[in-house]
Amino acid sequence: PSDPRSAVFATRVMEDCARCHADAK
């Protein structure tokens, strides 16, 4: 989680989670 390449790195969570959570359908 402390690695910037991790999907759960603090600055990436929004980007990675938004792939699905921003999909209105």
PDB file of all heavy atoms in Angstrom:
ATOM      1  N   PRO A   1       0.802  -1.228   0.000  1.00  0.00           N
ATOM      2  CA  PRO A   1       0.000   0.000   0.000  1.00  0.00           C
ATOM      3  C   PRO A   1       0.835   1.279   0.000  1.00  0.00           C
ATOM      4  O   PRO A   1       0.396   2.305  -0.521  1.00  0.00           O
ATOM      5  CB  PRO A   1      -0.831  -0.111   1.279  1.00  0.00           C
ATOM      6  CG  PRO A   1      -0.951  -1.575   1.505  1.00  0.00           C
ATOM      7  CD  PRO A   1       0.381  -2.158   1.043  1.00  0.00           C
ATOM      8  N   SER A   2       2.041   1.224   0.521  1.00  0.00           N
ATOM      9  CA  SER A   2       2.909   2.412   0.562  1.00  0.00           C
ATOM     10  C   SER A   2       3.612   2.690  -0.766  1.00  0.00           C
ATOM     11  O   SER A   2       4.213   3.748  -0.941  1.00  0.00           O
ATOM     12  CB  SER A   2       3.957   2.240   1.663  1.00  0.00           C
ATOM     13  OG  SER A   2       4.742   1.082   1.414  1.00  0.00           O
ATOM     14  N   ASP A   3       3.509   1.772  -1.715  1.00  0.00           N
ATOM     15  CA  ASP A   3       4.156   1.921  -3.024  1.00  0.00           C
ATOM     16  C   ASP A   3       3.235   2.732  -3.945  1.00  0.00           C
ATOM     17  O   ASP A   3       2.069   2.378  -4.123  1.00  0.00           O
ATOM     18  CB  ASP A   3       4.408   0.540  -3.630  1.00  0.00           C
ATOM     19  CG  ASP A   3       5.252   0.585  -4.883  1.00  0.00           C
ATOM     20  OD1 ASP A   3       4.994   1.444  -5.760  1.00  0.00           O
ATOM     21  OD2 ASP A   3       6.155  -0.259  -5.006  1.00  0.00           O
ATOM     22  N   PRO A   4       3.715   3.808  -4.556  1.00  0.00           N
ATOM     23  CA  PRO A   4       2.879   4.632  -5.441  1.00  0.00           C
ATOM     24  C   PRO A   4       2.246   3.868  -6.606  1.00  0.00           C
ATOM     25  O   PRO A   4       1.265   4.315  -7.179  1.00  0.00           O
ATOM     26  CB  PRO A   4       3.842   5.703  -5.963  1.00  0.00           C
ATOM     27  CG  PRO A   4       4.919   5.772  -4.953  1.00  0.00           C
ATOM     28  CD  PRO A   4       5.048   4.369  -4.408  1.00  0.00           C
ATOM     29  N   ARG A   5       2.788   2.697  -6.952  1.00  0.00           N
ATOM     30  CA  ARG A   5       2.192   1.896  -8.027  1.00  0.00           C
ATOM     31  C   ARG A   5       0.995   1.076  -7.553  1.00  0.00           C
ATOM     32  O   ARG A   5       0.252   0.532  -8.361  1.00  0.00           O
ATOM     33  CB  ARG A   5       3.242   0.960  -8.615  1.00  0.00           C
ATOM     34  CG  ARG A   5       4.398   1.698  -9.282  1.00  0.00           C
ATOM     35  CD  ARG A   5       5.498   0.759  -9.664  1.00  0.00           C
ATOM     36  NE  ARG A   5       6.111   0.217  -8.439  1.00  0.00           N
ATOM     37  CZ  ARG A   5       7.046  -0.707  -8.403  1.00  0.00           C
ATOM     38  NH1 ARG A   5       7.506  -1.212  -9.528  1.00  0.00           N
ATOM     39  NH2 ARG A   5       7.548  -1.135  -7.263  1.00  0.00           N
ATOM     40  N   SER A   6       0.792   0.991  -6.253  1.00  0.00           N
ATOM     41  CA  SER A   6      -0.298   0.198  -5.685  1.00  0.00           C
ATOM     42  C   SER A   6      -1.652   0.827  -5.979  1.00  0.00           C
ATOM     43  O   SER A   6      -1.825   2.052  -5.913  1.00  0.00           O
ATOM     44  CB  SER A   6      -0.110   0.099  -4.162  1.00  0.00           C
ATOM     45  OG  SER A   6      -1.260  -0.451  -3.572  1.00  0.00           O
ATOM     46  N   ALA A   7      -2.645  -0.005  -6.271  1.00  0.00           N
ATOM     47  CA  ALA A   7      -4.006   0.481  -6.507  1.00  0.00           C
ATOM     48  C   ALA A   7      -4.600   1.118  -5.257  1.00  0.00           C
ATOM     49  O   ALA A   7      -5.537   1.906  -5.353  1.00  0.00           O
ATOM     50  CB  ALA A   7      -4.905  -0.661  -6.979  1.00  0.00           C
ATOM     51  N   VAL A   8      -4.074   0.790  -4.097  1.00  0.00           N
ATOM     52  CA  VAL A   8      -4.595   1.355  -2.854  1.00  0.00           C
ATOM     53  C   VAL A   8      -3.684   2.438  -2.272  1.00  0.00           C
ATOM     54  O   VAL A   8      -3.876   2.862  -1.132  1.00  0.00           O
ATOM     55  CB  VAL A   8      -4.886   0.259  -1.794  1.00  0.00           C
ATOM     56  CG1 VAL A   8      -5.974  -0.675  -2.285  1.00  0.00           C
ATOM     57  CG2 VAL A   8      -3.635  -0.516  -1.438  1.00  0.00           C
ATOM     58  N   PHE A   9      -2.720   2.898  -3.041  1.00  0.00           N
ATOM     59  CA  PHE A   9      -1.894   4.022  -2.600  1.00  0.00           C
ATOM     60  C   PHE A   9      -2.801   5.239  -2.473  1.00  0.00           C
ATOM     61  O   PHE A   9      -3.702   5.447  -3.291  1.00  0.00           O
ATOM     62  CB  PHE A   9      -0.779   4.286  -3.624  1.00  0.00           C
ATOM     63  CG  PHE A   9       0.213   5.332  -3.186  1.00  0.00           C
ATOM     64  CD1 PHE A   9       1.095   5.074  -2.157  1.00  0.00           C
ATOM     65  CD2 PHE A   9       0.251   6.566  -3.808  1.00  0.00           C
ATOM     66  CE1 PHE A   9       2.023   6.029  -1.753  1.00  0.00           C
ATOM     67  CE2 PHE A   9       1.165   7.520  -3.419  1.00  0.00           C
ATOM     68  CZ  PHE A   9       2.051   7.262  -2.393  1.00  0.00           C
ATOM     69  N   ALA A  10      -2.603   6.018  -1.442  1.00  0.00           N
ATOM     70  CA  ALA A  10      -3.530   7.110  -1.095  1.00  0.00           C
ATOM     71  C   ALA A  10      -3.932   8.000  -2.271  1.00  0.00           C
ATOM     72  O   ALA A  10      -5.104   8.358  -2.405  1.00  0.00           O
ATOM     73  CB  ALA A  10      -2.926   7.953   0.019  1.00  0.00           C
ATOM     74  N   THR A  11      -3.015   8.347  -3.125  1.00  0.00           N
ATOM     75  CA  THR A  11      -3.361   9.249  -4.231  1.00  0.00           C
ATOM     76  C   THR A  11      -3.947   8.526  -5.442  1.00  0.00           C
ATOM     77  O   THR A  11      -4.369   9.184  -6.394  1.00  0.00           O
ATOM     78  CB  THR A  11      -2.132  10.059  -4.682  1.00  0.00           C
ATOM     79  OG1 THR A  11      -1.107   9.153  -5.103  1.00  0.00           O
ATOM     80  CG2 THR A  11      -1.624  10.947  -3.561  1.00  0.00           C
ATOM     81  N   ARG A  12      -4.003   7.210  -5.407  1.00  0.00           N
ATOM     82  CA  ARG A  12      -4.537   6.452  -6.545  1.00  0.00           C
ATOM     83  C   ARG A  12      -5.912   5.866  -6.289  1.00  0.00           C
ATOM     84  O   ARG A  12      -6.587   5.438  -7.219  1.00  0.00           O
ATOM     85  CB  ARG A  12      -3.585   5.312  -6.903  1.00  0.00           C
ATOM     86  CG  ARG A  12      -2.285   5.841  -7.463  1.00  0.00           C
ATOM     87  CD  ARG A  12      -1.570   4.850  -8.265  1.00  0.00           C
ATOM     88  NE  ARG A  12      -2.446   4.216  -9.229  1.00  0.00           N
ATOM     89  CZ  ARG A  12      -2.121   3.143  -9.921  1.00  0.00           C
ATOM     90  NH1 ARG A  12      -0.958   2.598  -9.748  1.00  0.00           N
ATOM     91  NH2 ARG A  12      -2.947   2.610 -10.773  1.00  0.00           N
ATOM     92  N   VAL A  13      -6.334   5.809  -5.045  1.00  0.00           N
ATOM     93  CA  VAL A  13      -7.600   5.162  -4.715  1.00  0.00           C
ATOM     94  C   VAL A  13      -8.751   5.753  -5.535  1.00  0.00           C
ATOM     95  O   VAL A  13      -9.530   5.021  -6.141  1.00  0.00           O
ATOM     96  CB  VAL A  13      -7.895   5.240  -3.199  1.00  0.00           C
ATOM     97  CG1 VAL A  13      -9.307   4.798  -2.894  1.00  0.00           C
ATOM     98  CG2 VAL A  13      -6.905   4.377  -2.435  1.00  0.00           C
ATOM     99  N   MET A  14      -8.860   7.056  -5.572  1.00  0.00           N
ATOM    100  CA  MET A  14      -9.965   7.686  -6.313  1.00  0.00           C
ATOM    101  C   MET A  14      -9.929   7.307  -7.787  1.00  0.00           C
ATOM    102  O   MET A  14     -10.944   6.971  -8.367  1.00  0.00           O
ATOM    103  CB  MET A  14      -9.930   9.208  -6.150  1.00  0.00           C
ATOM    104  CG  MET A  14     -10.256   9.660  -4.742  1.00  0.00           C
ATOM    105  SD  MET A  14     -11.910   9.189  -4.212  1.00  0.00           S
ATOM    106  CE  MET A  14     -12.900  10.203  -5.271  1.00  0.00           C
ATOM    107  N   GLU A  15      -8.761   7.350  -8.381  1.00  0.00           N
ATOM    108  CA  GLU A  15      -8.617   7.016  -9.798  1.00  0.00           C
ATOM    109  C   GLU A  15      -8.994   5.561 -10.061  1.00  0.00           C
ATOM    110  O   GLU A  15      -9.774   5.256 -10.961  1.00  0.00           O
ATOM    111  CB  GLU A  15      -7.169   7.271 -10.222  1.00  0.00           C
ATOM    112  CG  GLU A  15      -6.827   6.796 -11.605  1.00  0.00           C
ATOM    113  CD  GLU A  15      -5.327   6.883 -11.861  1.00  0.00           C
ATOM    114  OE1 GLU A  15      -4.644   7.718 -11.248  1.00  0.00           O
ATOM    115  OE2 GLU A  15      -4.846   6.094 -12.689  1.00  0.00           O
ATOM    116  N   ASP A  16      -8.447   4.656  -9.268  1.00  0.00           N
ATOM    117  CA  ASP A  16      -8.689   3.235  -9.489  1.00  0.00           C
ATOM    118  C   ASP A  16     -10.128   2.842  -9.170  1.00  0.00           C
ATOM    119  O   ASP A  16     -10.753   2.103  -9.921  1.00  0.00           O
ATOM    120  CB  ASP A  16      -7.703   2.390  -8.678  1.00  0.00           C
ATOM    121  CG  ASP A  16      -6.282   2.504  -9.216  1.00  0.00           C
ATOM    122  OD1 ASP A  16      -6.129   2.794 -10.413  1.00  0.00           O
ATOM    123  OD2 ASP A  16      -5.344   2.305  -8.448  1.00  0.00           O
ATOM    124  N   CYS A  17     -10.665   3.340  -8.069  1.00  0.00           N
ATOM    125  CA  CYS A  17     -12.035   2.989  -7.685  1.00  0.00           C
ATOM    126  C   CYS A  17     -13.054   3.625  -8.625  1.00  0.00           C
ATOM    127  O   CYS A  17     -14.122   3.063  -8.870  1.00  0.00           O
ATOM    128  CB  CYS A  17     -12.326   3.413  -6.249  1.00  0.00           C
ATOM    129  SG  CYS A  17     -11.296   2.557  -5.036  1.00  0.00           S
ATOM    130  N   ALA A  18     -12.726   4.799  -9.152  1.00  0.00           N
ATOM    131  CA  ALA A  18     -13.644   5.509 -10.036  1.00  0.00           C
ATOM    132  C   ALA A  18     -13.918   4.764 -11.336  1.00  0.00           C
ATOM    133  O   ALA A  18     -14.957   4.980 -11.958  1.00  0.00           O
ATOM    134  CB  ALA A  18     -13.116   6.908 -10.341  1.00  0.00           C
ATOM    135  N   ARG A  19     -13.020   3.864 -11.729  1.00  0.00           N
ATOM    136  CA  ARG A  19     -13.275   3.089 -12.947  1.00  0.00           C
ATOM    137  C   ARG A  19     -14.647   2.430 -12.882  1.00  0.00           C
ATOM    138  O   ARG A  19     -15.361   2.367 -13.875  1.00  0.00           O
ATOM    139  CB  ARG A  19     -12.204   2.024 -13.153  1.00  0.00           C
ATOM    140  CG  ARG A  19     -10.886   2.556 -13.632  1.00  0.00           C
ATOM    141  CD  ARG A  19      -9.956   1.419 -13.868  1.00  0.00           C
ATOM    142  NE  ARG A  19      -9.962   0.561 -12.674  1.00  0.00           N
ATOM    143  CZ  ARG A  19      -8.968  -0.194 -12.274  1.00  0.00           C
ATOM    144  NH1 ARG A  19      -7.887  -0.257 -12.980  1.00  0.00           N
ATOM    145  NH2 ARG A  19      -9.054  -0.910 -11.182  1.00  0.00           N
ATOM    146  N   CYS A  20     -15.026   1.942 -11.720  1.00  0.00           N
ATOM    147  CA  CYS A  20     -16.342   1.311 -11.561  1.00  0.00           C
ATOM    148  C   CYS A  20     -17.341   2.245 -10.891  1.00  0.00           C
ATOM    149  O   CYS A  20     -18.495   2.322 -11.304  1.00  0.00           O
ATOM    150  CB  CYS A  20     -16.226   0.035 -10.726  1.00  0.00           C
ATOM    151  SG  CYS A  20     -15.199  -1.231 -11.493  1.00  0.00           S
ATOM    152  N   HIS A  21     -16.902   2.951  -9.856  1.00  0.00           N
ATOM    153  CA  HIS A  21     -17.816   3.778  -9.073  1.00  0.00           C
ATOM    154  C   HIS A  21     -18.299   5.003  -9.829  1.00  0.00           C
ATOM    155  O   HIS A  21     -19.284   5.618  -9.417  1.00  0.00           O
ATOM    156  CB  HIS A  21     -17.184   4.161  -7.735  1.00  0.00           C
ATOM    157  CG  HIS A  21     -17.180   3.017  -6.770  1.00  0.00           C
ATOM    158  ND1 HIS A  21     -18.189   2.813  -5.863  1.00  0.00           N
ATOM    159  CD2 HIS A  21     -16.299   2.002  -6.599  1.00  0.00           C
ATOM    160  CE1 HIS A  21     -17.922   1.722  -5.158  1.00  0.00           C
ATOM    161  NE2 HIS A  21     -16.789   1.201  -5.584  1.00  0.00           N
ATOM    162  N   ALA A  22     -17.678   5.365 -10.934  1.00  0.00           N
ATOM    163  CA  ALA A  22     -18.132   6.479 -11.762  1.00  0.00           C
ATOM    164  C   ALA A  22     -18.919   5.980 -12.978  1.00  0.00           C
ATOM    165  O   ALA A  22     -19.367   6.777 -13.793  1.00  0.00           O
ATOM    166  CB  ALA A  22     -16.959   7.328 -12.215  1.00  0.00           C
ATOM    167  N   ASP A  23     -19.112   4.689 -13.078  1.00  0.00           N
ATOM    168  CA  ASP A  23     -19.838   4.079 -14.189  1.00  0.00           C
ATOM    169  C   ASP A  23     -21.329   4.044 -13.828  1.00  0.00           C
ATOM    170  O   ASP A  23     -21.785   3.170 -13.094  1.00  0.00           O
ATOM    171  CB  ASP A  23     -19.308   2.670 -14.431  1.00  0.00           C
ATOM    172  CG  ASP A  23     -19.961   1.964 -15.602  1.00  0.00           C
ATOM    173  OD1 ASP A  23     -21.108   2.297 -15.971  1.00  0.00           O
ATOM    174  OD2 ASP A  23     -19.318   1.049 -16.149  1.00  0.00           O
ATOM    175  N   ALA A  24     -22.092   5.004 -14.330  1.00  0.00           N
ATOM    176  CA  ALA A  24     -23.504   5.147 -13.965  1.00  0.00           C
ATOM    177  C   ALA A  24     -24.317   3.888 -14.276  1.00  0.00           C
ATOM    178  O   ALA A  24     -25.176   3.484 -13.478  1.00  0.00           O
ATOM    179  CB  ALA A  24     -24.105   6.357 -14.676  1.00  0.00           C
ATOM    180  N   LYS A  25     -24.049   3.247 -15.400  1.00  0.00           N
ATOM    181  CA  LYS A  25     -24.780   2.032 -15.771  1.00  0.00           C
ATOM    182  C   LYS A  25     -24.525   0.911 -14.758  1.00  0.00           C
ATOM    183  O   LYS A  25     -25.446   0.221 -14.318  1.00  0.00           O
ATOM    184  CB  LYS A  25     -24.373   1.590 -17.175  1.00  0.00           C
ATOM    185  CG  LYS A  25     -25.119   0.391 -17.683  1.00  0.00           C
ATOM    186  CD  LYS A  25     -24.689   0.046 -19.099  1.00  0.00           C
ATOM    187  CE  LYS A  25     -25.375  -1.209 -19.582  1.00  0.00           C
ATOM    188  NZ  LYS A  25     -24.923  -1.580 -20.924  1.00  0.00           N
TER     189      LYS A  25
END
